[in-house]
Amino acid sequence: MRFLRRNSSSTPEGTADTEDAALDAAEGNGDDSAPRRHTPKKGRPTPSRRDAEGRRRGPVAPPPKTTREAIKRSRQLRKTNPVSKEDRKAEMRERRERMMAGDERYLLPRDRGPVKAFVRDCVDARHNLLGLFMPLAIVVFISLLIPNLAVQRWATLLTMAMLAAMAIEAVINGRRITRLARENFPKENIKGRSIGWYAFIRASQIRRLRVPKPRVKPGDPVKVS
C-alpha cells in the first residue's frame, strides 16, 4: 500500500513520518502472530455452590407477624412441597406444643423476648377481674334474649359496673407492670402503652386459653428469666 501515500515533496517531512508510522502500526495489528491482550484477574474468589444457590433463591422471608399470615404461608409451602396429611398434622401438633411451652423459636413476634415473658408472669401470678370479660359478654348476650325489662336492666347495670372496675384494674396493672419491667430490665427500651396493652390482652383471656401457657400459679413470686 506504499503507492497510495503522498509524495514527500508535497508534504512536510514531519507529517510524512507520522503517516508512515500509523500505516506500519495498522499493518502490524493485522498480523495473527501478534500477542493478545492479558486478561486481568477479577480480584475476588469464586463463590461456593451454597452461596450461589442462596443468591438464586433470594433473601430469606421474615417471620410471620400474625396468625393469619402464618396460615397463609403454610398453605403456600404446602403447595410447593406436598407432604402427607399425617406428617402435616404431626408437624402442626409439634409446633403447637412448643408454642404453648413458650419456645422462643415458635412464638409470634409480639410474644418474644424476656420482657414479654416477664409481663406474662406478672399477669398470670394474680387473679384479675379482666379474666371475667369473656364470661361477662356471654351473660350479657343471654340477658338480651330474655324478654324481661327488669332482667335486662339489672344485667346492664351489672355490666357497666364490671366494665368500670375492669378499666380501673387495667390501668393500675399496666402502670405496676411497666414499673417492674423497667426496674428489672433497665437496658431495654420499654414503652408504657405497649406493655400496658400487652398486659391487658393477656389478662382479658381465660387462663386455660392463654398462649403460651402460664408458667406460674396465682400467688407465686415472679422471677426474671
Foldseek 3Di string as FASTA:
>chain_A
DVVPDDDCVVDPPVVVVVVVVVVVVVVVVPDPPDDDDDDDDPPDDDDDPVVVVDVVVPDDDDDDQDPVVVVVVVVVVCVVDPDDPVVVVVVVVVLQVCFLVPPQVSDHPLCDDLLNLLLLQLLQQAQALLCCVVVLVVVLVVQVVDPDPVSNVVSVVVVVVSVVVNVVRLVVSLVVSQVVSCVVCVPDDDDSVSSSVSSSVSNNHNQVPDIRHHPDHHNDDGDRD
